N, C-alpha and C. Protein backbone atom coordinates (compact mmCIF):
# COMPACT_ATOMS: atom_id res chain seq x y z
N MET A 1 15.83 -8.61 -16.94
CA MET A 1 15.19 -7.47 -16.29
C MET A 1 15.97 -6.21 -16.58
N GLY A 2 15.28 -5.08 -16.52
CA GLY A 2 15.95 -3.82 -16.77
C GLY A 2 16.86 -3.42 -15.62
N GLU A 3 17.59 -2.35 -15.82
CA GLU A 3 18.52 -1.90 -14.79
C GLU A 3 17.78 -1.36 -13.58
N LYS A 4 16.61 -0.82 -13.79
CA LYS A 4 15.85 -0.25 -12.68
C LYS A 4 14.58 -1.06 -12.45
N GLY A 5 14.30 -1.33 -11.17
CA GLY A 5 13.11 -2.11 -10.84
C GLY A 5 11.84 -1.29 -10.90
N LYS A 6 10.80 -1.84 -10.30
CA LYS A 6 9.50 -1.18 -10.26
C LYS A 6 8.97 -1.19 -8.83
N PHE A 7 8.12 -0.21 -8.56
CA PHE A 7 7.56 -0.03 -7.22
C PHE A 7 6.05 -0.22 -7.30
N ILE A 8 5.55 -1.28 -6.65
CA ILE A 8 4.13 -1.60 -6.63
C ILE A 8 3.63 -1.48 -5.20
N ALA A 9 2.59 -0.68 -5.00
CA ALA A 9 2.01 -0.50 -3.67
C ALA A 9 0.57 -1.02 -3.65
N LEU A 10 0.19 -1.62 -2.53
CA LEU A 10 -1.18 -2.07 -2.33
C LEU A 10 -1.83 -1.20 -1.27
N GLU A 11 -3.02 -0.70 -1.59
CA GLU A 11 -3.76 0.16 -0.67
C GLU A 11 -5.19 -0.35 -0.51
N GLY A 12 -5.85 0.14 0.52
CA GLY A 12 -7.24 -0.24 0.74
C GLY A 12 -7.59 -0.11 2.21
N ILE A 13 -8.88 -0.11 2.49
CA ILE A 13 -9.33 0.00 3.87
C ILE A 13 -8.98 -1.28 4.64
N ASP A 14 -9.09 -1.20 5.96
CA ASP A 14 -8.87 -2.38 6.79
C ASP A 14 -9.83 -3.49 6.34
N GLY A 15 -9.30 -4.71 6.24
CA GLY A 15 -10.11 -5.85 5.84
C GLY A 15 -10.18 -6.09 4.35
N SER A 16 -9.52 -5.26 3.55
CA SER A 16 -9.62 -5.40 2.09
C SER A 16 -8.69 -6.48 1.53
N GLY A 17 -7.79 -7.00 2.34
CA GLY A 17 -6.95 -8.11 1.89
C GLY A 17 -5.57 -7.72 1.43
N LYS A 18 -5.06 -6.60 1.88
CA LYS A 18 -3.75 -6.13 1.43
C LYS A 18 -2.63 -7.12 1.74
N SER A 19 -2.62 -7.65 2.96
CA SER A 19 -1.56 -8.57 3.34
C SER A 19 -1.59 -9.83 2.49
N ALA A 20 -2.76 -10.40 2.32
CA ALA A 20 -2.88 -11.63 1.54
C ALA A 20 -2.44 -11.41 0.10
N HIS A 21 -2.89 -10.33 -0.50
CA HIS A 21 -2.60 -10.13 -1.92
C HIS A 21 -1.17 -9.65 -2.16
N ALA A 22 -0.59 -8.95 -1.21
CA ALA A 22 0.84 -8.63 -1.31
C ALA A 22 1.64 -9.92 -1.31
N GLY A 23 1.23 -10.86 -0.48
CA GLY A 23 1.89 -12.16 -0.45
C GLY A 23 1.69 -12.94 -1.73
N PHE A 24 0.46 -12.92 -2.26
CA PHE A 24 0.19 -13.62 -3.52
C PHE A 24 1.04 -13.06 -4.66
N ILE A 25 1.11 -11.73 -4.74
CA ILE A 25 1.91 -11.10 -5.80
C ILE A 25 3.37 -11.50 -5.67
N THR A 26 3.89 -11.43 -4.46
CA THR A 26 5.29 -11.76 -4.22
C THR A 26 5.59 -13.19 -4.63
N ASP A 27 4.75 -14.13 -4.19
CA ASP A 27 4.97 -15.54 -4.53
C ASP A 27 4.87 -15.77 -6.04
N TYR A 28 3.88 -15.17 -6.66
CA TYR A 28 3.69 -15.33 -8.11
C TYR A 28 4.91 -14.85 -8.88
N LEU A 29 5.38 -13.65 -8.54
CA LEU A 29 6.51 -13.08 -9.28
C LEU A 29 7.79 -13.88 -9.05
N ARG A 30 8.02 -14.31 -7.84
CA ARG A 30 9.23 -15.10 -7.57
C ARG A 30 9.22 -16.42 -8.32
N ARG A 31 8.08 -17.06 -8.40
CA ARG A 31 7.99 -18.33 -9.13
C ARG A 31 8.28 -18.15 -10.61
N ARG A 32 8.07 -16.95 -11.11
CA ARG A 32 8.30 -16.69 -12.53
C ARG A 32 9.65 -16.04 -12.82
N GLY A 33 10.50 -16.01 -11.82
CA GLY A 33 11.87 -15.59 -12.06
C GLY A 33 12.19 -14.15 -11.77
N TYR A 34 11.21 -13.39 -11.27
CA TYR A 34 11.50 -12.01 -10.91
C TYR A 34 12.23 -11.96 -9.57
N THR A 35 13.04 -10.95 -9.38
CA THR A 35 13.65 -10.68 -8.09
C THR A 35 12.76 -9.68 -7.37
N VAL A 36 12.20 -10.10 -6.24
CA VAL A 36 11.17 -9.31 -5.57
C VAL A 36 11.62 -8.93 -4.16
N PHE A 37 11.32 -7.70 -3.79
CA PHE A 37 11.52 -7.25 -2.41
C PHE A 37 10.15 -6.93 -1.84
N TYR A 38 9.71 -7.74 -0.88
CA TYR A 38 8.42 -7.51 -0.23
C TYR A 38 8.64 -6.71 1.05
N THR A 39 7.77 -5.73 1.28
CA THR A 39 7.86 -4.94 2.49
C THR A 39 6.49 -4.40 2.86
N GLU A 40 6.42 -3.69 3.96
CA GLU A 40 5.13 -3.20 4.44
C GLU A 40 5.34 -1.96 5.29
N GLU A 41 4.24 -1.24 5.51
CA GLU A 41 4.28 -0.07 6.38
C GLU A 41 3.16 -0.15 7.41
N PRO A 42 3.40 0.22 8.67
CA PRO A 42 4.68 0.69 9.19
C PRO A 42 5.79 -0.32 8.92
N SER A 43 7.00 0.19 8.74
CA SER A 43 8.13 -0.67 8.41
C SER A 43 8.59 -1.45 9.65
N ARG A 44 9.60 -2.28 9.44
CA ARG A 44 10.20 -3.02 10.56
C ARG A 44 11.42 -2.30 11.11
N GLY A 45 11.63 -1.06 10.64
CA GLY A 45 12.74 -0.26 11.13
C GLY A 45 12.46 0.31 12.51
N ARG A 46 13.38 1.12 13.00
CA ARG A 46 13.26 1.64 14.36
C ARG A 46 12.02 2.49 14.55
N ILE A 47 11.76 3.40 13.62
CA ILE A 47 10.58 4.27 13.75
C ILE A 47 9.32 3.45 13.53
N GLY A 48 9.36 2.53 12.60
CA GLY A 48 8.21 1.68 12.35
C GLY A 48 7.81 0.85 13.56
N ARG A 49 8.81 0.32 14.26
CA ARG A 49 8.52 -0.46 15.47
C ARG A 49 7.90 0.42 16.55
N LEU A 50 8.43 1.63 16.68
CA LEU A 50 7.85 2.60 17.62
C LEU A 50 6.41 2.91 17.25
N LEU A 51 6.16 3.10 15.96
CA LEU A 51 4.83 3.45 15.48
C LEU A 51 3.83 2.33 15.74
N ARG A 52 4.25 1.10 15.50
CA ARG A 52 3.34 -0.04 15.75
C ARG A 52 2.92 -0.09 17.22
N GLU A 53 3.86 0.19 18.10
CA GLU A 53 3.56 0.19 19.53
C GLU A 53 2.66 1.38 19.87
N TYR A 54 2.97 2.53 19.28
CA TYR A 54 2.22 3.77 19.54
C TYR A 54 0.75 3.62 19.13
N LEU A 55 0.50 2.95 18.02
CA LEU A 55 -0.87 2.84 17.49
C LEU A 55 -1.76 1.91 18.31
N LYS A 56 -1.18 1.17 19.25
CA LYS A 56 -1.99 0.32 20.11
C LYS A 56 -2.83 1.14 21.08
N ASP A 57 -2.45 2.38 21.29
CA ASP A 57 -3.16 3.29 22.19
C ASP A 57 -4.21 4.06 21.40
N GLU A 58 -5.47 3.87 21.73
CA GLU A 58 -6.55 4.50 20.97
C GLU A 58 -6.61 6.01 21.18
N SER A 59 -5.89 6.53 22.15
CA SER A 59 -5.94 7.97 22.43
C SER A 59 -4.85 8.74 21.69
N THR A 60 -4.15 8.09 20.76
CA THR A 60 -3.08 8.78 20.04
C THR A 60 -3.64 9.96 19.24
N LEU A 61 -2.79 10.95 19.02
CA LEU A 61 -3.18 12.14 18.27
C LEU A 61 -2.94 11.92 16.78
N SER A 62 -3.92 12.28 15.96
CA SER A 62 -3.80 12.04 14.52
C SER A 62 -2.65 12.84 13.92
N LEU A 63 -2.37 14.03 14.45
CA LEU A 63 -1.25 14.82 13.93
C LEU A 63 0.06 14.12 14.22
N ALA A 64 0.20 13.56 15.41
CA ALA A 64 1.40 12.78 15.74
C ALA A 64 1.49 11.55 14.86
N ASP A 65 0.35 10.89 14.64
CA ASP A 65 0.33 9.74 13.73
C ASP A 65 0.91 10.13 12.37
N ALA A 66 0.45 11.27 11.87
CA ALA A 66 0.86 11.70 10.53
C ALA A 66 2.36 11.89 10.43
N PHE A 67 2.95 12.55 11.41
CA PHE A 67 4.39 12.81 11.36
C PHE A 67 5.20 11.55 11.62
N LEU A 68 4.71 10.67 12.47
CA LEU A 68 5.42 9.41 12.69
C LEU A 68 5.40 8.54 11.44
N PHE A 69 4.26 8.47 10.77
CA PHE A 69 4.19 7.72 9.53
C PHE A 69 5.15 8.30 8.48
N ALA A 70 5.19 9.63 8.39
CA ALA A 70 6.07 10.26 7.41
C ALA A 70 7.53 9.99 7.73
N ALA A 71 7.88 10.05 9.01
CA ALA A 71 9.27 9.79 9.41
C ALA A 71 9.65 8.34 9.12
N ASP A 72 8.76 7.42 9.43
CA ASP A 72 9.02 6.01 9.15
C ASP A 72 9.18 5.79 7.64
N ARG A 73 8.33 6.47 6.87
CA ARG A 73 8.35 6.30 5.41
C ARG A 73 9.65 6.84 4.81
N ALA A 74 10.15 7.96 5.36
CA ALA A 74 11.41 8.51 4.87
C ALA A 74 12.55 7.52 5.08
N GLU A 75 12.60 6.94 6.27
CA GLU A 75 13.64 5.95 6.57
C GLU A 75 13.47 4.70 5.72
N HIS A 76 12.23 4.27 5.57
CA HIS A 76 11.91 3.07 4.78
C HIS A 76 12.35 3.24 3.33
N LEU A 77 12.05 4.39 2.76
CA LEU A 77 12.44 4.66 1.37
C LEU A 77 13.95 4.68 1.21
N GLN A 78 14.63 5.38 2.09
CA GLN A 78 16.08 5.54 1.94
C GLN A 78 16.84 4.25 2.16
N HIS A 79 16.43 3.47 3.15
CA HIS A 79 17.21 2.30 3.53
C HIS A 79 16.78 1.01 2.86
N GLU A 80 15.53 0.96 2.37
CA GLU A 80 15.04 -0.31 1.83
C GLU A 80 14.47 -0.19 0.41
N ILE A 81 13.44 0.66 0.25
CA ILE A 81 12.72 0.65 -1.02
C ILE A 81 13.57 1.14 -2.18
N MET A 82 14.16 2.32 -2.07
CA MET A 82 14.93 2.87 -3.19
C MET A 82 16.15 2.03 -3.54
N PRO A 83 16.92 1.52 -2.56
CA PRO A 83 18.04 0.63 -2.93
C PRO A 83 17.57 -0.61 -3.69
N ALA A 84 16.42 -1.16 -3.30
CA ALA A 84 15.92 -2.34 -4.00
C ALA A 84 15.54 -2.01 -5.44
N ILE A 85 14.91 -0.85 -5.65
CA ILE A 85 14.54 -0.45 -7.00
C ILE A 85 15.78 -0.25 -7.86
N LYS A 86 16.79 0.39 -7.29
CA LYS A 86 18.04 0.62 -8.04
C LYS A 86 18.74 -0.68 -8.41
N GLU A 87 18.51 -1.72 -7.61
CA GLU A 87 19.10 -3.03 -7.90
C GLU A 87 18.28 -3.81 -8.92
N GLY A 88 17.20 -3.21 -9.41
CA GLY A 88 16.39 -3.86 -10.42
C GLY A 88 15.30 -4.77 -9.88
N LYS A 89 15.04 -4.70 -8.60
CA LYS A 89 14.03 -5.56 -8.00
C LYS A 89 12.62 -4.97 -8.17
N ILE A 90 11.65 -5.86 -8.11
CA ILE A 90 10.25 -5.44 -8.08
C ILE A 90 9.88 -5.31 -6.61
N VAL A 91 9.59 -4.08 -6.18
CA VAL A 91 9.22 -3.83 -4.79
C VAL A 91 7.70 -3.97 -4.65
N VAL A 92 7.27 -4.81 -3.72
CA VAL A 92 5.85 -4.97 -3.41
C VAL A 92 5.66 -4.46 -1.99
N CYS A 93 4.92 -3.36 -1.84
CA CYS A 93 4.78 -2.72 -0.53
C CYS A 93 3.31 -2.69 -0.10
N GLU A 94 3.06 -3.24 1.06
CA GLU A 94 1.71 -3.23 1.64
C GLU A 94 1.53 -1.92 2.40
N ARG A 95 0.71 -1.04 1.89
CA ARG A 95 0.47 0.32 2.34
C ARG A 95 1.65 1.23 1.98
N TYR A 96 1.28 2.48 1.67
CA TYR A 96 2.30 3.48 1.36
C TYR A 96 1.71 4.85 1.72
N LYS A 97 2.19 5.90 1.10
CA LYS A 97 1.80 7.25 1.51
C LYS A 97 0.30 7.53 1.36
N PHE A 98 -0.36 6.83 0.44
CA PHE A 98 -1.79 7.08 0.24
C PHE A 98 -2.60 6.65 1.46
N SER A 99 -2.08 5.69 2.23
CA SER A 99 -2.74 5.34 3.49
C SER A 99 -2.75 6.54 4.43
N SER A 100 -1.62 7.23 4.51
CA SER A 100 -1.57 8.42 5.36
C SER A 100 -2.52 9.49 4.87
N PHE A 101 -2.54 9.71 3.55
CA PHE A 101 -3.43 10.73 2.99
C PHE A 101 -4.89 10.41 3.32
N ALA A 102 -5.28 9.15 3.17
CA ALA A 102 -6.67 8.77 3.39
C ALA A 102 -7.03 8.77 4.87
N TYR A 103 -6.27 8.05 5.67
CA TYR A 103 -6.62 7.88 7.07
C TYR A 103 -6.47 9.16 7.87
N GLN A 104 -5.34 9.87 7.70
CA GLN A 104 -5.14 11.06 8.51
C GLN A 104 -6.04 12.23 8.08
N SER A 105 -6.37 12.30 6.79
CA SER A 105 -7.29 13.37 6.36
C SER A 105 -8.68 13.15 6.94
N VAL A 106 -9.11 11.89 7.01
CA VAL A 106 -10.41 11.59 7.60
C VAL A 106 -10.40 11.90 9.10
N GLN A 107 -9.23 11.80 9.71
CA GLN A 107 -9.10 12.14 11.14
C GLN A 107 -9.01 13.65 11.37
N GLY A 108 -9.08 14.43 10.29
CA GLY A 108 -9.15 15.87 10.46
C GLY A 108 -7.92 16.64 10.06
N GLN A 109 -6.87 15.94 9.59
CA GLN A 109 -5.66 16.65 9.19
C GLN A 109 -5.82 17.20 7.77
N ASP A 110 -5.20 18.33 7.52
CA ASP A 110 -5.30 18.99 6.23
C ASP A 110 -4.59 18.16 5.15
N ILE A 111 -5.29 17.87 4.08
CA ILE A 111 -4.72 17.00 3.04
C ILE A 111 -3.50 17.64 2.38
N LYS A 112 -3.50 18.95 2.23
CA LYS A 112 -2.34 19.62 1.64
C LYS A 112 -1.12 19.46 2.54
N MET A 113 -1.33 19.60 3.83
CA MET A 113 -0.22 19.40 4.77
C MET A 113 0.31 17.99 4.68
N LEU A 114 -0.58 17.02 4.60
CA LEU A 114 -0.15 15.62 4.51
C LEU A 114 0.67 15.37 3.25
N LYS A 115 0.25 15.98 2.16
CA LYS A 115 1.02 15.84 0.92
C LYS A 115 2.35 16.57 1.02
N ASP A 116 2.34 17.75 1.64
CA ASP A 116 3.56 18.54 1.74
C ASP A 116 4.64 17.82 2.55
N ILE A 117 4.26 17.16 3.64
CA ILE A 117 5.28 16.49 4.47
C ILE A 117 5.78 15.20 3.81
N HIS A 118 5.17 14.83 2.69
CA HIS A 118 5.65 13.68 1.91
C HIS A 118 6.33 14.13 0.61
N PHE A 119 6.92 15.32 0.65
CA PHE A 119 7.61 15.85 -0.53
C PHE A 119 8.70 14.90 -1.01
N PHE A 120 9.22 14.09 -0.14
CA PHE A 120 10.34 13.19 -0.45
C PHE A 120 9.88 11.85 -1.04
N ALA A 121 8.58 11.60 -1.01
CA ALA A 121 8.07 10.26 -1.33
C ALA A 121 7.56 10.19 -2.77
N PRO A 122 8.26 9.46 -3.65
CA PRO A 122 7.81 9.36 -5.05
C PRO A 122 6.52 8.55 -5.16
N ASP A 123 5.79 8.80 -6.23
CA ASP A 123 4.62 7.97 -6.50
C ASP A 123 5.08 6.58 -6.92
N PRO A 124 4.34 5.53 -6.53
CA PRO A 124 4.67 4.19 -7.02
C PRO A 124 4.47 4.11 -8.54
N ASP A 125 5.10 3.13 -9.16
CA ASP A 125 4.87 2.89 -10.58
C ASP A 125 3.47 2.32 -10.80
N LEU A 126 2.98 1.58 -9.82
CA LEU A 126 1.63 1.01 -9.86
C LEU A 126 1.08 0.97 -8.44
N THR A 127 -0.12 1.54 -8.27
CA THR A 127 -0.82 1.43 -6.99
C THR A 127 -2.10 0.65 -7.22
N ILE A 128 -2.25 -0.46 -6.52
CA ILE A 128 -3.45 -1.27 -6.61
C ILE A 128 -4.33 -0.94 -5.41
N LEU A 129 -5.51 -0.40 -5.68
CA LEU A 129 -6.47 -0.09 -4.63
C LEU A 129 -7.48 -1.23 -4.55
N LEU A 130 -7.43 -1.97 -3.45
CA LEU A 130 -8.39 -3.05 -3.22
C LEU A 130 -9.64 -2.43 -2.63
N ASP A 131 -10.65 -2.30 -3.45
CA ASP A 131 -11.85 -1.55 -3.07
C ASP A 131 -12.90 -2.49 -2.48
N LEU A 132 -13.39 -2.13 -1.29
CA LEU A 132 -14.31 -2.99 -0.56
C LEU A 132 -15.32 -2.14 0.19
N GLU A 133 -16.57 -2.63 0.26
CA GLU A 133 -17.57 -1.96 1.08
C GLU A 133 -17.12 -1.99 2.54
N PRO A 134 -17.22 -0.86 3.24
CA PRO A 134 -16.74 -0.80 4.63
C PRO A 134 -17.38 -1.85 5.55
N LYS A 135 -18.66 -2.14 5.35
CA LYS A 135 -19.31 -3.15 6.20
C LYS A 135 -18.59 -4.49 6.08
N ALA A 136 -18.23 -4.85 4.86
CA ALA A 136 -17.51 -6.11 4.66
C ALA A 136 -16.12 -6.04 5.27
N GLY A 137 -15.49 -4.85 5.19
CA GLY A 137 -14.18 -4.69 5.78
C GLY A 137 -14.20 -4.92 7.28
N VAL A 138 -15.19 -4.35 7.96
CA VAL A 138 -15.32 -4.53 9.41
C VAL A 138 -15.55 -5.99 9.75
N GLU A 139 -16.39 -6.67 8.95
CA GLU A 139 -16.68 -8.08 9.20
C GLU A 139 -15.44 -8.95 9.06
N ARG A 140 -14.53 -8.55 8.16
CA ARG A 140 -13.32 -9.33 7.94
C ARG A 140 -12.23 -9.04 8.96
N CYS A 141 -12.36 -7.93 9.68
CA CYS A 141 -11.33 -7.56 10.66
C CYS A 141 -11.59 -8.26 11.99
N SER A 142 -10.50 -8.57 12.67
CA SER A 142 -10.63 -9.24 13.96
C SER A 142 -9.76 -8.61 15.03
N ARG A 143 -9.00 -7.55 14.65
CA ARG A 143 -8.03 -7.01 15.60
C ARG A 143 -8.65 -5.97 16.54
N GLY A 144 -9.79 -5.39 16.15
CA GLY A 144 -10.41 -4.40 17.00
C GLY A 144 -9.63 -3.11 17.15
N GLU A 145 -8.91 -2.71 16.11
CA GLU A 145 -8.12 -1.49 16.19
C GLU A 145 -9.02 -0.26 16.08
N LYS A 146 -8.44 0.89 16.40
CA LYS A 146 -9.26 2.10 16.49
C LYS A 146 -9.84 2.53 15.15
N PHE A 147 -9.25 2.10 14.04
CA PHE A 147 -9.74 2.52 12.73
C PHE A 147 -10.86 1.62 12.20
N GLU A 148 -11.14 0.51 12.90
CA GLU A 148 -12.01 -0.51 12.32
C GLU A 148 -13.47 -0.33 12.71
N THR A 149 -14.07 0.79 12.28
CA THR A 149 -15.50 1.00 12.42
C THR A 149 -16.06 1.33 11.05
N GLU A 150 -17.32 0.97 10.83
CA GLU A 150 -17.91 1.13 9.51
C GLU A 150 -17.98 2.60 9.10
N ASP A 151 -18.35 3.46 10.02
CA ASP A 151 -18.46 4.88 9.70
C ASP A 151 -17.10 5.46 9.29
N PHE A 152 -16.08 5.15 10.06
CA PHE A 152 -14.75 5.66 9.76
C PHE A 152 -14.25 5.12 8.42
N LEU A 153 -14.41 3.82 8.21
CA LEU A 153 -13.90 3.21 6.98
C LEU A 153 -14.67 3.67 5.74
N THR A 154 -15.93 4.07 5.92
CA THR A 154 -16.69 4.63 4.80
C THR A 154 -16.03 5.91 4.31
N LYS A 155 -15.62 6.75 5.25
CA LYS A 155 -14.95 8.00 4.89
C LYS A 155 -13.57 7.73 4.28
N VAL A 156 -12.87 6.74 4.83
CA VAL A 156 -11.55 6.40 4.29
C VAL A 156 -11.67 5.87 2.86
N ARG A 157 -12.67 5.03 2.64
CA ARG A 157 -12.88 4.51 1.28
C ARG A 157 -13.12 5.65 0.30
N ASP A 158 -13.97 6.59 0.68
CA ASP A 158 -14.25 7.74 -0.19
C ASP A 158 -12.96 8.52 -0.48
N ALA A 159 -12.13 8.68 0.55
CA ALA A 159 -10.87 9.39 0.37
C ALA A 159 -9.95 8.65 -0.60
N TYR A 160 -9.91 7.34 -0.47
CA TYR A 160 -9.10 6.54 -1.39
C TYR A 160 -9.58 6.69 -2.84
N LEU A 161 -10.88 6.65 -3.02
CA LEU A 161 -11.43 6.76 -4.38
C LEU A 161 -11.13 8.13 -4.98
N ASP A 162 -11.12 9.16 -4.15
CA ASP A 162 -10.73 10.49 -4.63
C ASP A 162 -9.25 10.50 -5.03
N LEU A 163 -8.40 9.86 -4.22
CA LEU A 163 -6.97 9.79 -4.53
C LEU A 163 -6.73 9.05 -5.85
N ALA A 164 -7.53 8.02 -6.08
CA ALA A 164 -7.38 7.24 -7.31
C ALA A 164 -7.66 8.07 -8.55
N LYS A 165 -8.52 9.07 -8.40
CA LYS A 165 -8.81 9.97 -9.51
C LYS A 165 -7.71 11.01 -9.70
N GLU A 166 -7.07 11.36 -8.61
CA GLU A 166 -6.08 12.44 -8.63
C GLU A 166 -4.70 11.99 -9.06
N PHE A 167 -4.27 10.84 -8.58
CA PHE A 167 -2.90 10.40 -8.81
C PHE A 167 -2.83 9.40 -9.97
N PRO A 168 -1.73 9.46 -10.73
CA PRO A 168 -1.57 8.52 -11.84
C PRO A 168 -1.23 7.12 -11.35
N ASN A 169 -1.39 6.17 -12.22
CA ASN A 169 -0.95 4.79 -11.99
C ASN A 169 -1.75 4.05 -10.92
N PHE A 170 -2.95 4.55 -10.61
CA PHE A 170 -3.85 3.82 -9.71
C PHE A 170 -4.65 2.81 -10.53
N HIS A 171 -4.83 1.62 -9.99
CA HIS A 171 -5.71 0.64 -10.62
C HIS A 171 -6.62 0.08 -9.53
N ILE A 172 -7.92 0.27 -9.68
CA ILE A 172 -8.88 -0.20 -8.68
C ILE A 172 -9.30 -1.63 -9.00
N VAL A 173 -9.21 -2.49 -7.99
CA VAL A 173 -9.63 -3.89 -8.11
C VAL A 173 -10.73 -4.14 -7.08
N ASP A 174 -11.84 -4.68 -7.52
CA ASP A 174 -12.96 -5.00 -6.62
C ASP A 174 -12.53 -6.14 -5.70
N ALA A 175 -12.50 -5.87 -4.39
CA ALA A 175 -12.07 -6.88 -3.42
C ALA A 175 -13.25 -7.63 -2.81
N THR A 176 -14.44 -7.48 -3.40
CA THR A 176 -15.64 -8.12 -2.85
C THR A 176 -15.70 -9.62 -3.10
N PRO A 177 -15.33 -10.12 -4.29
CA PRO A 177 -15.45 -11.56 -4.54
C PRO A 177 -14.57 -12.41 -3.63
N ASP A 178 -14.63 -13.74 -3.83
CA ASP A 178 -13.80 -14.63 -3.03
C ASP A 178 -12.33 -14.35 -3.29
N LYS A 179 -11.50 -14.73 -2.34
CA LYS A 179 -10.08 -14.37 -2.34
C LYS A 179 -9.36 -14.82 -3.61
N MET A 180 -9.68 -16.02 -4.11
CA MET A 180 -8.97 -16.53 -5.28
C MET A 180 -9.35 -15.76 -6.55
N THR A 181 -10.59 -15.34 -6.63
CA THR A 181 -11.01 -14.52 -7.78
C THR A 181 -10.29 -13.18 -7.76
N VAL A 182 -10.24 -12.56 -6.60
CA VAL A 182 -9.53 -11.28 -6.47
C VAL A 182 -8.05 -11.48 -6.78
N LYS A 183 -7.50 -12.58 -6.28
CA LYS A 183 -6.09 -12.88 -6.55
C LYS A 183 -5.82 -12.90 -8.05
N ASP A 184 -6.64 -13.62 -8.80
CA ASP A 184 -6.45 -13.72 -10.25
C ASP A 184 -6.51 -12.34 -10.90
N ASN A 185 -7.45 -11.52 -10.46
CA ASN A 185 -7.59 -10.18 -11.04
C ASN A 185 -6.39 -9.30 -10.71
N VAL A 186 -5.91 -9.39 -9.48
CA VAL A 186 -4.74 -8.59 -9.07
C VAL A 186 -3.49 -9.03 -9.83
N ILE A 187 -3.29 -10.33 -9.93
CA ILE A 187 -2.12 -10.86 -10.64
C ILE A 187 -2.12 -10.41 -12.10
N LYS A 188 -3.29 -10.42 -12.72
CA LYS A 188 -3.38 -9.98 -14.12
C LYS A 188 -2.98 -8.51 -14.25
N VAL A 189 -3.44 -7.68 -13.32
CA VAL A 189 -3.07 -6.26 -13.35
C VAL A 189 -1.55 -6.11 -13.24
N VAL A 190 -0.95 -6.84 -12.32
CA VAL A 190 0.49 -6.73 -12.09
C VAL A 190 1.28 -7.22 -13.31
N GLN A 191 0.91 -8.39 -13.84
CA GLN A 191 1.66 -8.92 -14.97
C GLN A 191 1.50 -8.07 -16.22
N ASP A 192 0.30 -7.58 -16.47
CA ASP A 192 0.09 -6.68 -17.61
C ASP A 192 0.93 -5.42 -17.46
N PHE A 193 0.98 -4.89 -16.24
CA PHE A 193 1.80 -3.70 -16.00
C PHE A 193 3.27 -3.97 -16.28
N LEU A 194 3.79 -5.07 -15.78
CA LEU A 194 5.21 -5.38 -15.98
C LEU A 194 5.51 -5.65 -17.45
N ASP A 195 4.62 -6.37 -18.12
CA ASP A 195 4.82 -6.66 -19.55
C ASP A 195 4.89 -5.38 -20.37
N ASN A 196 4.09 -4.40 -19.97
CA ASN A 196 4.00 -3.15 -20.75
C ASN A 196 4.99 -2.07 -20.32
N ASN A 197 5.80 -2.38 -19.30
CA ASN A 197 6.71 -1.37 -18.78
C ASN A 197 8.14 -1.89 -18.62
N GLY A 198 8.56 -2.70 -19.57
CA GLY A 198 9.95 -3.10 -19.65
C GLY A 198 10.38 -4.25 -18.76
N HIS A 199 9.41 -4.93 -18.14
CA HIS A 199 9.75 -6.06 -17.27
C HIS A 199 8.89 -7.27 -17.61
N PRO A 200 8.96 -7.77 -18.85
CA PRO A 200 8.19 -8.97 -19.18
C PRO A 200 8.67 -10.16 -18.36
N ARG A 201 7.88 -11.22 -18.33
CA ARG A 201 8.27 -12.41 -17.56
C ARG A 201 9.65 -12.87 -18.01
N PRO A 202 10.56 -13.10 -17.08
CA PRO A 202 11.92 -13.53 -17.44
C PRO A 202 11.94 -14.79 -18.30
N ASP A 203 10.99 -15.70 -18.07
CA ASP A 203 11.01 -16.94 -18.85
C ASP A 203 10.44 -16.73 -20.26
N GLN A 204 10.04 -15.48 -20.57
CA GLN A 204 9.52 -15.20 -21.91
C GLN A 204 10.40 -14.23 -22.69
N GLU A 205 11.50 -13.80 -22.06
CA GLU A 205 12.37 -12.84 -22.73
C GLU A 205 13.15 -13.50 -23.86
């Protein structure tokens, strides 16, 4: 492996399968000899734990959400993600700054402001957008969180698709088929990316 690792983020609306596919990627890469650091946002750090508790209240303010997510992300990057990349690990992160851009902008926050408060947050080397029809996303969700309505997720999906056009290194994967089909497609995207960016499979070097 090279001296510097890679940063892979998974994005998508609620119900698109981010948790499952982040796990699939992590397991796949580890079995093939990569050193992988799996993580998620909100993080498990102090601010992340506060944020998880805060989001249980449906009356939370979207502006407060935005700043709490940014604060958690700053700590997450400094203490976990960037050190792992410097150690040559492949970082697999479930949700990243694009979640804030999509969700908080749909809640009425200015997209420029959201980008500005993430001045510290580098773009991932690869962002996989698991694209799913909002109706299917709602059907797959069971937590009943405040974001899990078809109308809201329709707007979030549109915001994600706009971000995919704007930012480099986005790869859209259709999350509609069965989980194993999507898994195969996601894994191919990840392995092709690593092969083409200085991190071929260790057992093939």
